[in-house]
Amino acid sequence: MFISWDGGLLALLLAYFSISDWLRSKRCGPHGVFGRCRRCEEEAAARARAEAEEKAEAEHQRLDIEETYRNMDETLRNELTAIVLERAEREHLVIRSGDLEAAVVRICRRRSETT
């Protein structure tokens, strides 16, 4: 069971490529560290924190808009809703759920800032 020299060379070449691919897969590309990269883990944690903060801020804004819309005077709300719907129809805009309330609250806030 002897392998010829060209068969042995082929086996060594295949082993070399297999081991080098395995080592490359264990290496952090951006930082060049083998195994778990502390900087990559810190960056991932920072990204996760930023995403969580963005989601919390969006939820806070949504709740603020809903509360402001509910507490708004009904006649003012109806007047502003008519304005928003008229503009949406004129410009062929599609209003999704929550967009109407948000637009009405924004207009109400702009009016209160100018007065």
PDB file of N, CA and C in Angstrom:
ATOM      1  N   MET A   1       0.823  -1.170   0.000  1.00  0.00           N
ATOM      2  CA  MET A   1       0.000   0.000   0.000  1.00  0.00           C
ATOM      3  C   MET A   1       0.880   1.251   0.000  1.00  0.00           C
ATOM      4  N   PHE A   2       1.690   1.341  -0.931  1.00  0.00           N
ATOM      5  CA  PHE A   2       2.516   2.530  -1.070  1.00  0.00           C
ATOM      6  C   PHE A   2       1.862   3.473  -2.061  1.00  0.00           C
ATOM      7  N   ILE A   3       1.981   4.752  -1.759  1.00  0.00           N
ATOM      8  CA  ILE A   3       1.440   5.775  -2.645  1.00  0.00           C
ATOM      9  C   ILE A   3       2.604   6.312  -3.459  1.00  0.00           C
ATOM     10  N   SER A   4       2.350   6.503  -4.720  1.00  0.00           N
ATOM     11  CA  SER A   4       3.408   7.053  -5.557  1.00  0.00           C
ATOM     12  C   SER A   4       3.678   8.505  -5.159  1.00  0.00           C
ATOM     13  N   TRP A   5       4.793   9.040  -5.608  1.00  0.00           N
ATOM     14  CA  TRP A   5       5.167  10.400  -5.192  1.00  0.00           C
ATOM     15  C   TRP A   5       4.175  11.444  -5.669  1.00  0.00           C
ATOM     16  N   ASP A   6       3.575  11.258  -6.845  1.00  0.00           N
ATOM     17  CA  ASP A   6       2.591  12.227  -7.313  1.00  0.00           C
ATOM     18  C   ASP A   6       1.269  12.100  -6.547  1.00  0.00           C
ATOM     19  N   GLY A   7       0.917  10.888  -6.128  1.00  0.00           N
ATOM     20  CA  GLY A   7      -0.269  10.688  -5.287  1.00  0.00           C
ATOM     21  C   GLY A   7      -0.064  11.288  -3.908  1.00  0.00           C
ATOM     22  N   GLY A   8       1.139  11.146  -3.366  1.00  0.00           N
ATOM     23  CA  GLY A   8       1.456  11.732  -2.059  1.00  0.00           C
ATOM     24  C   GLY A   8       1.436  13.252  -2.126  1.00  0.00           C
ATOM     25  N   LEU A   9       1.982  13.790  -3.218  1.00  0.00           N
ATOM     26  CA  LEU A   9       1.980  15.235  -3.402  1.00  0.00           C
ATOM     27  C   LEU A   9       0.552  15.773  -3.515  1.00  0.00           C
ATOM     28  N   LEU A  10      -0.295  15.062  -4.224  1.00  0.00           N
ATOM     29  CA  LEU A  10      -1.698  15.445  -4.339  1.00  0.00           C
ATOM     30  C   LEU A  10      -2.387  15.397  -2.978  1.00  0.00           C
ATOM     31  N   ALA A  11      -2.109  14.362  -2.195  1.00  0.00           N
ATOM     32  CA  ALA A  11      -2.698  14.238  -0.863  1.00  0.00           C
ATOM     33  C   ALA A  11      -2.231  15.389   0.033  1.00  0.00           C
ATOM     34  N   LEU A  12      -0.927  15.736  -0.042  1.00  0.00           N
ATOM     35  CA  LEU A  12      -0.415  16.857   0.749  1.00  0.00           C
ATOM     36  C   LEU A  12      -1.046  18.178   0.321  1.00  0.00           C
ATOM     37  N   LEU A  13      -1.210  18.357  -0.973  1.00  0.00           N
ATOM     38  CA  LEU A  13      -1.815  19.567  -1.493  1.00  0.00           C
ATOM     39  C   LEU A  13      -3.270  19.706  -1.024  1.00  0.00           C
ATOM     40  N   LEU A  14      -4.020  18.622  -1.088  1.00  0.00           N
ATOM     41  CA  LEU A  14      -5.399  18.638  -0.617  1.00  0.00           C
ATOM     42  C   LEU A  14      -5.462  18.911   0.883  1.00  0.00           C
ATOM     43  N   ALA A  15      -4.559  18.297   1.640  1.00  0.00           N
ATOM     44  CA  ALA A  15      -4.518  18.533   3.085  1.00  0.00           C
ATOM     45  C   ALA A  15      -4.193  19.993   3.370  1.00  0.00           C
ATOM     46  N   TYR A  16      -3.230  20.561   2.633  1.00  0.00           N
ATOM     47  CA  TYR A  16      -2.846  21.960   2.824  1.00  0.00           C
ATOM     48  C   TYR A  16      -4.030  22.889   2.574  1.00  0.00           C
ATOM     49  N   PHE A  17      -4.752  22.672   1.465  1.00  0.00           N
ATOM     50  CA  PHE A  17      -5.900  23.526   1.158  1.00  0.00           C
ATOM     51  C   PHE A  17      -7.017  23.362   2.182  1.00  0.00           C
ATOM     52  N   SER A  18      -7.227  22.142   2.639  1.00  0.00           N
ATOM     53  CA  SER A  18      -8.268  21.903   3.642  1.00  0.00           C
ATOM     54  C   SER A  18      -7.933  22.608   4.950  1.00  0.00           C
ATOM     55  N   ILE A  19      -6.695  22.472   5.381  1.00  0.00           N
ATOM     56  CA  ILE A  19      -6.290  23.097   6.640  1.00  0.00           C
ATOM     57  C   ILE A  19      -6.276  24.617   6.517  1.00  0.00           C
ATOM     58  N   SER A  20      -5.802  25.144   5.403  1.00  0.00           N
ATOM     59  CA  SER A  20      -5.773  26.604   5.245  1.00  0.00           C
ATOM     60  C   SER A  20      -7.186  27.177   5.177  1.00  0.00           C
ATOM     61  N   ASP A  21      -8.113  26.479   4.518  1.00  0.00           N
ATOM     62  CA  ASP A  21      -9.504  26.935   4.497  1.00  0.00           C
ATOM     63  C   ASP A  21     -10.106  26.907   5.895  1.00  0.00           C
ATOM     64  N   TRP A  22      -9.796  25.864   6.649  1.00  0.00           N
ATOM     65  CA  TRP A  22     -10.310  25.747   8.006  1.00  0.00           C
ATOM     66  C   TRP A  22      -9.765  26.879   8.878  1.00  0.00           C
ATOM     67  N   LEU A  23      -8.472  27.165   8.756  1.00  0.00           N
ATOM     68  CA  LEU A  23      -7.876  28.245   9.536  1.00  0.00           C
ATOM     69  C   LEU A  23      -8.438  29.606   9.128  1.00  0.00           C
ATOM     70  N   ARG A  24      -8.662  29.812   7.835  1.00  0.00           N
ATOM     71  CA  ARG A  24      -9.243  31.069   7.377  1.00  0.00           C
ATOM     72  C   ARG A  24     -10.662  31.245   7.905  1.00  0.00           C
ATOM     73  N   SER A  25     -11.395  30.154   8.025  1.00  0.00           N
ATOM     74  CA  SER A  25     -12.762  30.247   8.520  1.00  0.00           C
ATOM     75  C   SER A  25     -12.788  30.578  10.010  1.00  0.00           C
ATOM     76  N   LYS A  26     -11.730  30.292  10.713  1.00  0.00           N
ATOM     77  CA  LYS A  26     -11.655  30.576  12.146  1.00  0.00           C
ATOM     78  C   LYS A  26     -11.068  31.960  12.418  1.00  0.00           C
ATOM     79  N   ARG A  27     -10.725  32.675  11.385  1.00  0.00           N
ATOM     80  CA  ARG A  27     -10.079  33.972  11.532  1.00  0.00           C
ATOM     81  C   ARG A  27     -11.090  35.092  11.269  1.00  0.00           C
ATOM     82  N   CYS A  28     -11.046  36.130  12.090  1.00  0.00           N
ATOM     83  CA  CYS A  28     -11.906  37.295  11.910  1.00  0.00           C
ATOM     84  C   CYS A  28     -11.336  38.125  10.773  1.00  0.00           C
ATOM     85  N   GLY A  29     -12.114  38.326   9.734  1.00  0.00           N
ATOM     86  CA  GLY A  29     -11.643  39.052   8.565  1.00  0.00           C
ATOM     87  C   GLY A  29     -11.246  40.496   8.839  1.00  0.00           C
ATOM     88  N   PRO A  30     -12.126  41.300   9.439  1.00  0.00           N
ATOM     89  CA  PRO A  30     -11.787  42.710   9.629  1.00  0.00           C
ATOM     90  C   PRO A  30     -10.654  42.945  10.630  1.00  0.00           C
ATOM     91  N   HIS A  31     -10.542  42.080  11.651  1.00  0.00           N
ATOM     92  CA  HIS A  31      -9.581  42.347  12.714  1.00  0.00           C
ATOM     93  C   HIS A  31      -8.400  41.381  12.732  1.00  0.00           C
ATOM     94  N   GLY A  32      -8.468  40.291  11.982  1.00  0.00           N
ATOM     95  CA  GLY A  32      -7.348  39.361  11.876  1.00  0.00           C
ATOM     96  C   GLY A  32      -7.090  38.532  13.115  1.00  0.00           C
ATOM     97  N   VAL A  33      -8.106  38.285  13.921  1.00  0.00           N
ATOM     98  CA  VAL A  33      -7.948  37.524  15.160  1.00  0.00           C
ATOM     99  C   VAL A  33      -8.481  36.117  14.939  1.00  0.00           C
ATOM    100  N   PHE A  34      -7.783  35.116  15.498  1.00  0.00           N
ATOM    101  CA  PHE A  34      -8.275  33.746  15.426  1.00  0.00           C
ATOM    102  C   PHE A  34      -9.335  33.531  16.487  1.00  0.00           C
ATOM    103  N   GLY A  35     -10.320  32.710  16.159  1.00  0.00           N
ATOM    104  CA  GLY A  35     -11.373  32.377  17.111  1.00  0.00           C
ATOM    105  C   GLY A  35     -12.370  33.504  17.270  1.00  0.00           C
ATOM    106  N   ARG A  36     -12.923  33.625  18.486  1.00  0.00           N
ATOM    107  CA  ARG A  36     -13.910  34.665  18.763  1.00  0.00           C
ATOM    108  C   ARG A  36     -13.223  36.018  18.858  1.00  0.00           C
ATOM    109  N   CYS A  37     -13.740  36.976  18.151  1.00  0.00           N
ATOM    110  CA  CYS A  37     -13.158  38.320  18.117  1.00  0.00           C
ATOM    111  C   CYS A  37     -13.934  39.213  19.086  1.00  0.00           C
ATOM    112  N   ARG A  38     -13.248  39.716  20.071  1.00  0.00           N
ATOM    113  CA  ARG A  38     -13.874  40.559  21.078  1.00  0.00           C
ATOM    114  C   ARG A  38     -14.422  41.841  20.461  1.00  0.00           C
ATOM    115  N   ARG A  39     -13.687  42.423  19.524  1.00  0.00           N
ATOM    116  CA  ARG A  39     -14.147  43.667  18.902  1.00  0.00           C
ATOM    117  C   ARG A  39     -15.408  43.437  18.068  1.00  0.00           C
ATOM    118  N   CYS A  40     -15.459  42.307  17.347  1.00  0.00           N
ATOM    119  CA  CYS A  40     -16.678  42.009  16.570  1.00  0.00           C
ATOM    120  C   CYS A  40     -17.870  41.810  17.501  1.00  0.00           C
ATOM    121  N   GLU A  41     -17.647  41.146  18.632  1.00  0.00           N
ATOM    122  CA  GLU A  41     -18.735  40.940  19.591  1.00  0.00           C
ATOM    123  C   GLU A  41     -19.189  42.270  20.187  1.00  0.00           C
ATOM    124  N   GLU A  42     -18.242  43.169  20.479  1.00  0.00           N
ATOM    125  CA  GLU A  42     -18.597  44.486  21.006  1.00  0.00           C
ATOM    126  C   GLU A  42     -19.375  45.302  19.974  1.00  0.00           C
ATOM    127  N   GLU A  43     -18.953  45.222  18.707  1.00  0.00           N
ATOM    128  CA  GLU A  43     -19.658  45.938  17.645  1.00  0.00           C
ATOM    129  C   GLU A  43     -21.067  45.402  17.468  1.00  0.00           C
ATOM    130  N   ALA A  44     -21.218  44.075  17.545  1.00  0.00           N
ATOM    131  CA  ALA A  44     -22.552  43.472  17.417  1.00  0.00           C
ATOM    132  C   ALA A  44     -23.434  43.885  18.588  1.00  0.00           C
ATOM    133  N   ALA A  45     -22.865  43.927  19.793  1.00  0.00           N
ATOM    134  CA  ALA A  45     -23.642  44.344  20.963  1.00  0.00           C
ATOM    135  C   ALA A  45     -24.048  45.810  20.838  1.00  0.00           C
ATOM    136  N   ALA A  46     -23.136  46.657  20.348  1.00  0.00           N
ATOM    137  CA  ALA A  46     -23.459  48.079  20.167  1.00  0.00           C
ATOM    138  C   ALA A  46     -24.549  48.258  19.125  1.00  0.00           C
ATOM    139  N   ARG A  47     -24.487  47.477  18.027  1.00  0.00           N
ATOM    140  CA  ARG A  47     -25.535  47.537  17.002  1.00  0.00           C
ATOM    141  C   ARG A  47     -26.878  47.110  17.574  1.00  0.00           C
ATOM    142  N   ALA A  48     -26.864  46.044  18.393  1.00  0.00           N
ATOM    143  CA  ALA A  48     -28.111  45.558  18.987  1.00  0.00           C
ATOM    144  C   ALA A  48     -28.699  46.604  19.939  1.00  0.00           C
ATOM    145  N   ARG A  49     -27.824  47.269  20.731  1.00  0.00           N
ATOM    146  CA  ARG A  49     -28.297  48.321  21.625  1.00  0.00           C
ATOM    147  C   ARG A  49     -28.899  49.482  20.838  1.00  0.00           C
ATOM    148  N   ALA A  50     -28.234  49.890  19.760  1.00  0.00           N
ATOM    149  CA  ALA A  50     -28.727  50.999  18.944  1.00  0.00           C
ATOM    150  C   ALA A  50     -30.077  50.654  18.316  1.00  0.00           C
ATOM    151  N   GLU A  51     -30.214  49.425  17.828  1.00  0.00           N
ATOM    152  CA  GLU A  51     -31.489  49.004  17.238  1.00  0.00           C
ATOM    153  C   GLU A  51     -32.597  48.992  18.284  1.00  0.00           C
ATOM    154  N   ALA A  52     -32.275  48.517  19.497  1.00  0.00           N
ATOM    155  CA  ALA A  52     -33.269  48.492  20.566  1.00  0.00           C
ATOM    156  C   ALA A  52     -33.683  49.910  20.955  1.00  0.00           C
ATOM    157  N   GLU A  53     -32.722  50.837  21.007  1.00  0.00           N
ATOM    158  CA  GLU A  53     -33.042  52.227  21.324  1.00  0.00           C
ATOM    159  C   GLU A  53     -33.916  52.844  20.234  1.00  0.00           C
ATOM    160  N   GLU A  54     -33.608  52.544  18.958  1.00  0.00           N
ATOM    161  CA  GLU A  54     -34.420  53.063  17.856  1.00  0.00           C
ATOM    162  C   GLU A  54     -35.846  52.537  17.932  1.00  0.00           C
ATOM    163  N   LYS A  55     -35.996  51.242  18.224  1.00  0.00           N
ATOM    164  CA  LYS A  55     -37.331  50.662  18.341  1.00  0.00           C
ATOM    165  C   LYS A  55     -38.095  51.275  19.504  1.00  0.00           C
ATOM    166  N   ALA A  56     -37.404  51.486  20.627  1.00  0.00           N
ATOM    167  CA  ALA A  56     -38.062  52.090  21.789  1.00  0.00           C
ATOM    168  C   ALA A  56     -38.489  53.522  21.487  1.00  0.00           C
ATOM    169  N   GLU A  57     -37.640  54.280  20.796  1.00  0.00           N
ATOM    170  CA  GLU A  57     -37.977  55.658  20.431  1.00  0.00           C
ATOM    171  C   GLU A  57     -39.167  55.679  19.465  1.00  0.00           C
ATOM    172  N   ALA A  58     -39.183  54.777  18.491  1.00  0.00           N
ATOM    173  CA  ALA A  58     -40.303  54.707  17.546  1.00  0.00           C
ATOM    174  C   ALA A  58     -41.603  54.355  18.275  1.00  0.00           C
ATOM    175  N   GLU A  59     -41.522  53.432  19.213  1.00  0.00           N
ATOM    176  CA  GLU A  59     -42.706  53.054  19.989  1.00  0.00           C
ATOM    177  C   GLU A  59     -43.179  54.230  20.839  1.00  0.00           C
ATOM    178  N   HIS A  60     -42.245  54.958  21.423  1.00  0.00           N
ATOM    179  CA  HIS A  60     -42.595  56.132  22.227  1.00  0.00           C
ATOM    180  C   HIS A  60     -43.291  57.182  21.364  1.00  0.00           C
ATOM    181  N   GLN A  61     -42.764  57.430  20.174  1.00  0.00           N
ATOM    182  CA  GLN A  61     -43.382  58.401  19.265  1.00  0.00           C
ATOM    183  C   GLN A  61     -44.779  57.957  18.844  1.00  0.00           C
ATOM    184  N   ARG A  62     -44.920  56.661  18.581  1.00  0.00           N
ATOM    185  CA  ARG A  62     -46.232  56.136  18.177  1.00  0.00           C
ATOM    186  C   ARG A  62     -47.253  56.320  19.288  1.00  0.00           C
ATOM    187  N   LEU A  63     -46.860  56.004  20.522  1.00  0.00           N
ATOM    188  CA  LEU A  63     -47.772  56.170  21.648  1.00  0.00           C
ATOM    189  C   LEU A  63     -48.104  57.644  21.887  1.00  0.00           C
ATOM    190  N   ASP A  64     -47.126  58.521  21.705  1.00  0.00           N
ATOM    191  CA  ASP A  64     -47.354  59.959  21.861  1.00  0.00           C
ATOM    192  C   ASP A  64     -48.343  60.466  20.815  1.00  0.00           C
ATOM    193  N   ILE A  65     -48.186  60.015  19.583  1.00  0.00           N
ATOM    194  CA  ILE A  65     -49.108  60.416  18.509  1.00  0.00           C
ATOM    195  C   ILE A  65     -50.524  59.923  18.801  1.00  0.00           C
ATOM    196  N   GLU A  66     -50.644  58.652  19.220  1.00  0.00           N
ATOM    197  CA  GLU A  66     -51.972  58.107  19.519  1.00  0.00           C
ATOM    198  C   GLU A  66     -52.640  58.873  20.659  1.00  0.00           C
ATOM    199  N   GLU A  67     -51.873  59.173  21.710  1.00  0.00           N
ATOM    200  CA  GLU A  67     -52.431  59.893  22.850  1.00  0.00           C
ATOM    201  C   GLU A  67     -52.849  61.307  22.453  1.00  0.00           C
ATOM    202  N   THR A  68     -52.001  61.992  21.700  1.00  0.00           N
ATOM    203  CA  THR A  68     -52.321  63.349  21.258  1.00  0.00           C
ATOM    204  C   THR A  68     -53.565  63.337  20.367  1.00  0.00           C
ATOM    205  N   TYR A  69     -53.674  62.353  19.475  1.00  0.00           N
ATOM    206  CA  TYR A  69     -54.820  62.255  18.568  1.00  0.00           C
ATOM    207  C   TYR A  69     -56.105  62.027  19.368  1.00  0.00           C
ATOM    208  N   ARG A  70     -56.032  61.138  20.369  1.00  0.00           N
ATOM    209  CA  ARG A  70     -57.226  60.864  21.177  1.00  0.00           C
ATOM    210  C   ARG A  70     -57.647  62.063  22.013  1.00  0.00           C
ATOM    211  N   ASN A  71     -56.687  62.824  22.518  1.00  0.00           N
ATOM    212  CA  ASN A  71     -56.990  63.953  23.399  1.00  0.00           C
ATOM    213  C   ASN A  71     -57.318  65.240  22.641  1.00  0.00           C
ATOM    214  N   MET A  72     -57.208  65.214  21.331  1.00  0.00           N
ATOM    215  CA  MET A  72     -57.462  66.396  20.513  1.00  0.00           C
ATOM    216  C   MET A  72     -58.962  66.699  20.486  1.00  0.00           C
ATOM    217  N   ASP A  73     -59.282  67.984  20.387  1.00  0.00           N
ATOM    218  CA  ASP A  73     -60.675  68.417  20.262  1.00  0.00           C
ATOM    219  C   ASP A  73     -61.275  67.766  19.004  1.00  0.00           C
ATOM    220  N   GLU A  74     -62.478  67.251  19.135  1.00  0.00           N
ATOM    221  CA  GLU A  74     -63.079  66.478  18.038  1.00  0.00           C
ATOM    222  C   GLU A  74     -63.303  67.311  16.782  1.00  0.00           C
ATOM    223  N   THR A  75     -63.732  68.559  16.935  1.00  0.00           N
ATOM    224  CA  THR A  75     -63.963  69.394  15.746  1.00  0.00           C
ATOM    225  C   THR A  75     -62.647  69.709  15.039  1.00  0.00           C
ATOM    226  N   LEU A  76     -61.595  69.987  15.813  1.00  0.00           N
ATOM    227  CA  LEU A  76     -60.280  70.239  15.222  1.00  0.00           C
ATOM    228  C   LEU A  76     -59.758  68.977  14.531  1.00  0.00           C
ATOM    229  N   ARG A  77     -59.955  67.830  15.191  1.00  0.00           N
ATOM    230  CA  ARG A  77     -59.513  66.560  14.610  1.00  0.00           C
ATOM    231  C   ARG A  77     -60.227  66.284  13.295  1.00  0.00           C
ATOM    232  N   ASN A  78     -61.527  66.503  13.244  1.00  0.00           N
ATOM    233  CA  ASN A  78     -62.284  66.272  12.013  1.00  0.00           C
ATOM    234  C   ASN A  78     -61.860  67.231  10.907  1.00  0.00           C
ATOM    235  N   GLU A  79     -61.619  68.501  11.265  1.00  0.00           N
ATOM    236  CA  GLU A  79     -61.183  69.493  10.285  1.00  0.00           C
ATOM    237  C   GLU A  79     -59.820  69.110   9.688  1.00  0.00           C
ATOM    238  N   LEU A  80     -58.878  68.744  10.553  1.00  0.00           N
ATOM    239  CA  LEU A  80     -57.536  68.373  10.083  1.00  0.00           C
ATOM    240  C   LEU A  80     -57.551  67.053   9.309  1.00  0.00           C
ATOM    241  N   THR A  81     -58.410  66.138   9.719  1.00  0.00           N
ATOM    242  CA  THR A  81     -58.539  64.874   8.994  1.00  0.00           C
ATOM    243  C   THR A  81     -59.047  65.124   7.586  1.00  0.00           C
ATOM    244  N   ALA A  82     -60.013  66.015   7.455  1.00  0.00           N
ATOM    245  CA  ALA A  82     -60.534  66.349   6.127  1.00  0.00           C
ATOM    246  C   ALA A  82     -59.440  66.965   5.254  1.00  0.00           C
ATOM    247  N   ILE A  83     -58.621  67.829   5.842  1.00  0.00           N
ATOM    248  CA  ILE A  83     -57.527  68.448   5.086  1.00  0.00           C
ATOM    249  C   ILE A  83     -56.541  67.384   4.596  1.00  0.00           C
ATOM    250  N   VAL A  84     -56.183  66.462   5.492  1.00  0.00           N
ATOM    251  CA  VAL A  84     -55.221  65.409   5.132  1.00  0.00           C
ATOM    252  C   VAL A  84     -55.800  64.502   4.053  1.00  0.00           C
ATOM    253  N   LEU A  85     -57.044  64.101   4.203  1.00  0.00           N
ATOM    254  CA  LEU A  85     -57.665  63.215   3.211  1.00  0.00           C
ATOM    255  C   LEU A  85     -57.808  63.906   1.859  1.00  0.00           C
ATOM    256  N   GLU A  86     -58.141  65.189   1.878  1.00  0.00           N
ATOM    257  CA  GLU A  86     -58.257  65.942   0.628  1.00  0.00           C
ATOM    258  C   GLU A  86     -56.915  66.003  -0.094  1.00  0.00           C
ATOM    259  N   ARG A  87     -55.853  66.272   0.643  1.00  0.00           N
ATOM    260  CA  ARG A  87     -54.524  66.339   0.020  1.00  0.00           C
ATOM    261  C   ARG A  87     -54.087  64.966  -0.488  1.00  0.00           C
ATOM    262  N   ALA A  88     -54.373  63.923   0.275  1.00  0.00           N
ATOM    263  CA  ALA A  88     -54.004  62.576  -0.148  1.00  0.00           C
ATOM    264  C   ALA A  88     -54.730  62.207  -1.434  1.00  0.00           C
ATOM    265  N   GLU A  89     -55.991  62.585  -1.531  1.00  0.00           N
ATOM    266  CA  GLU A  89     -56.752  62.291  -2.753  1.00  0.00           C
ATOM    267  C   GLU A  89     -56.224  63.108  -3.929  1.00  0.00           C
ATOM    268  N   ARG A  90     -55.924  64.384  -3.679  1.00  0.00           N
ATOM    269  CA  ARG A  90     -55.445  65.272  -4.733  1.00  0.00           C
ATOM    270  C   ARG A  90     -54.091  64.797  -5.284  1.00  0.00           C
ATOM    271  N   GLU A  91     -53.225  64.313  -4.409  1.00  0.00           N
ATOM    272  CA  GLU A  91     -51.887  63.882  -4.831  1.00  0.00           C
ATOM    273  C   GLU A  91     -51.784  62.374  -5.041  1.00  0.00           C
ATOM    274  N   HIS A  92     -52.906  61.686  -4.985  1.00  0.00           N
ATOM    275  CA  HIS A  92     -52.973  60.240  -5.214  1.00  0.00           C
ATOM    276  C   HIS A  92     -52.044  59.482  -4.266  1.00  0.00           C
ATOM    277  N   LEU A  93     -52.133  59.827  -2.980  1.00  0.00           N
ATOM    278  CA  LEU A  93     -51.317  59.177  -1.956  1.00  0.00           C
ATOM    279  C   LEU A  93     -52.113  58.062  -1.290  1.00  0.00           C
ATOM    280  N   VAL A  94     -51.406  57.031  -0.874  1.00  0.00           N
ATOM    281  CA  VAL A  94     -52.025  55.938  -0.140  1.00  0.00           C
ATOM    282  C   VAL A  94     -51.731  56.152   1.341  1.00  0.00           C
ATOM    283  N   ILE A  95     -52.770  56.136   2.135  1.00  0.00           N
ATOM    284  CA  ILE A  95     -52.613  56.349   3.571  1.00  0.00           C
ATOM    285  C   ILE A  95     -52.699  54.994   4.267  1.00  0.00           C
ATOM    286  N   ARG A  96     -51.613  54.645   4.937  1.00  0.00           N
ATOM    287  CA  ARG A  96     -51.589  53.384   5.677  1.00  0.00           C
ATOM    288  C   ARG A  96     -52.113  53.620   7.096  1.00  0.00           C
ATOM    289  N   SER A  97     -52.305  52.531   7.837  1.00  0.00           N
ATOM    290  CA  SER A  97     -52.826  52.680   9.193  1.00  0.00           C
ATOM    291  C   SER A  97     -51.810  53.436  10.047  1.00  0.00           C
ATOM    292  N   GLY A  98     -52.294  54.368  10.805  1.00  0.00           N
ATOM    293  CA  GLY A  98     -51.430  55.179  11.651  1.00  0.00           C
ATOM    294  C   GLY A  98     -50.917  56.426  10.966  1.00  0.00           C
ATOM    295  N   ASP A  99     -50.867  56.435   9.640  1.00  0.00           N
ATOM    296  CA  ASP A  99     -50.367  57.603   8.915  1.00  0.00           C
ATOM    297  C   ASP A  99     -51.319  58.785   9.028  1.00  0.00           C
ATOM    298  N   LEU A 100     -52.610  58.520   8.979  1.00  0.00           N
ATOM    299  CA  LEU A 100     -53.590  59.596   9.071  1.00  0.00           C
ATOM    300  C   LEU A 100     -53.478  60.300  10.418  1.00  0.00           C
ATOM    301  N   GLU A 101     -53.424  59.516  11.491  1.00  0.00           N
ATOM    302  CA  GLU A 101     -53.312  60.099  12.827  1.00  0.00           C
ATOM    303  C   GLU A 101     -52.029  60.906  12.959  1.00  0.00           C
ATOM    304  N   ALA A 102     -50.920  60.349  12.443  1.00  0.00           N
ATOM    305  CA  ALA A 102     -49.637  61.036  12.535  1.00  0.00           C
ATOM    306  C   ALA A 102     -49.663  62.351  11.764  1.00  0.00           C
ATOM    307  N   ALA A 103     -50.269  62.352  10.593  1.00  0.00           N
ATOM    308  CA  ALA A 103     -50.348  63.573   9.791  1.00  0.00           C
ATOM    309  C   ALA A 103     -51.211  64.627  10.487  1.00  0.00           C
ATOM    310  N   VAL A 104     -52.311  64.199  11.063  1.00  0.00           N
ATOM    311  CA  VAL A 104     -53.190  65.127  11.759  1.00  0.00           C
ATOM    312  C   VAL A 104     -52.475  65.733  12.965  1.00  0.00           C
ATOM    313  N   VAL A 105     -51.759  64.912  13.720  1.00  0.00           N
ATOM    314  CA  VAL A 105     -51.030  65.411  14.894  1.00  0.00           C
ATOM    315  C   VAL A 105     -49.923  66.370  14.473  1.00  0.00           C
ATOM    316  N   ARG A 106     -49.206  66.058  13.381  1.00  0.00           N
ATOM    317  CA  ARG A 106     -48.143  66.961  12.902  1.00  0.00           C
ATOM    318  C   ARG A 106     -48.709  68.318  12.501  1.00  0.00           C
ATOM    319  N   ILE A 107     -49.826  68.309  11.785  1.00  0.00           N
ATOM    320  CA  ILE A 107     -50.446  69.572  11.377  1.00  0.00           C
ATOM    321  C   ILE A 107     -50.892  70.360  12.609  1.00  0.00           C
ATOM    322  N   CYS A 108     -51.461  69.663  13.569  1.00  0.00           N
ATOM    323  CA  CYS A 108     -51.926  70.325  14.790  1.00  0.00           C
ATOM    324  C   CYS A 108     -50.739  70.951  15.527  1.00  0.00           C
ATOM    325  N   ARG A 109     -49.634  70.245  15.610  1.00  0.00           N
ATOM    326  CA  ARG A 109     -48.447  70.776  16.290  1.00  0.00           C
ATOM    327  C   ARG A 109     -47.859  71.956  15.541  1.00  0.00           C
ATOM    328  N   ARG A 110     -47.844  71.907  14.206  1.00  0.00           N
ATOM    329  CA  ARG A 110     -47.351  73.027  13.425  1.00  0.00           C
ATOM    330  C   ARG A 110     -48.219  74.261  13.635  1.00  0.00           C
ATOM    331  N   ARG A 111     -49.541  74.052  13.663  1.00  0.00           N
ATOM    332  CA  ARG A 111     -50.447  75.187  13.871  1.00  0.00           C
ATOM    333  C   ARG A 111     -50.230  75.805  15.245  1.00  0.00           C
ATOM    334  N   SER A 112     -50.012  74.948  16.261  1.00  0.00           N
ATOM    335  CA  SER A 112     -49.834  75.473  17.611  1.00  0.00           C
ATOM    336  C   SER A 112     -48.484  76.181  17.762  1.00  0.00           C
ATOM    337  N   GLU A 113     -47.466  75.767  16.971  1.00  0.00           N
ATOM    338  CA  GLU A 113     -46.164  76.435  17.024  1.00  0.00           C
ATOM    339  C   GLU A 113     -46.209  77.810  16.378  1.00  0.00           C
ATOM    340  N   THR A 114     -47.013  77.961  15.332  1.00  0.00           N
ATOM    341  CA  THR A 114     -47.062  79.235  14.623  1.00  0.00           C
ATOM    342  C   THR A 114     -47.918  80.264  15.359  1.00  0.00           C
ATOM    343  N   THR A 115     -48.823  79.801  16.219  1.00  0.00           N
ATOM    344  CA  THR A 115     -49.676  80.747  16.944  1.00  0.00           C
ATOM    345  C   THR A 115     -49.128  81.078  18.286  1.00  0.00           C
TER     346      THR A 115
END
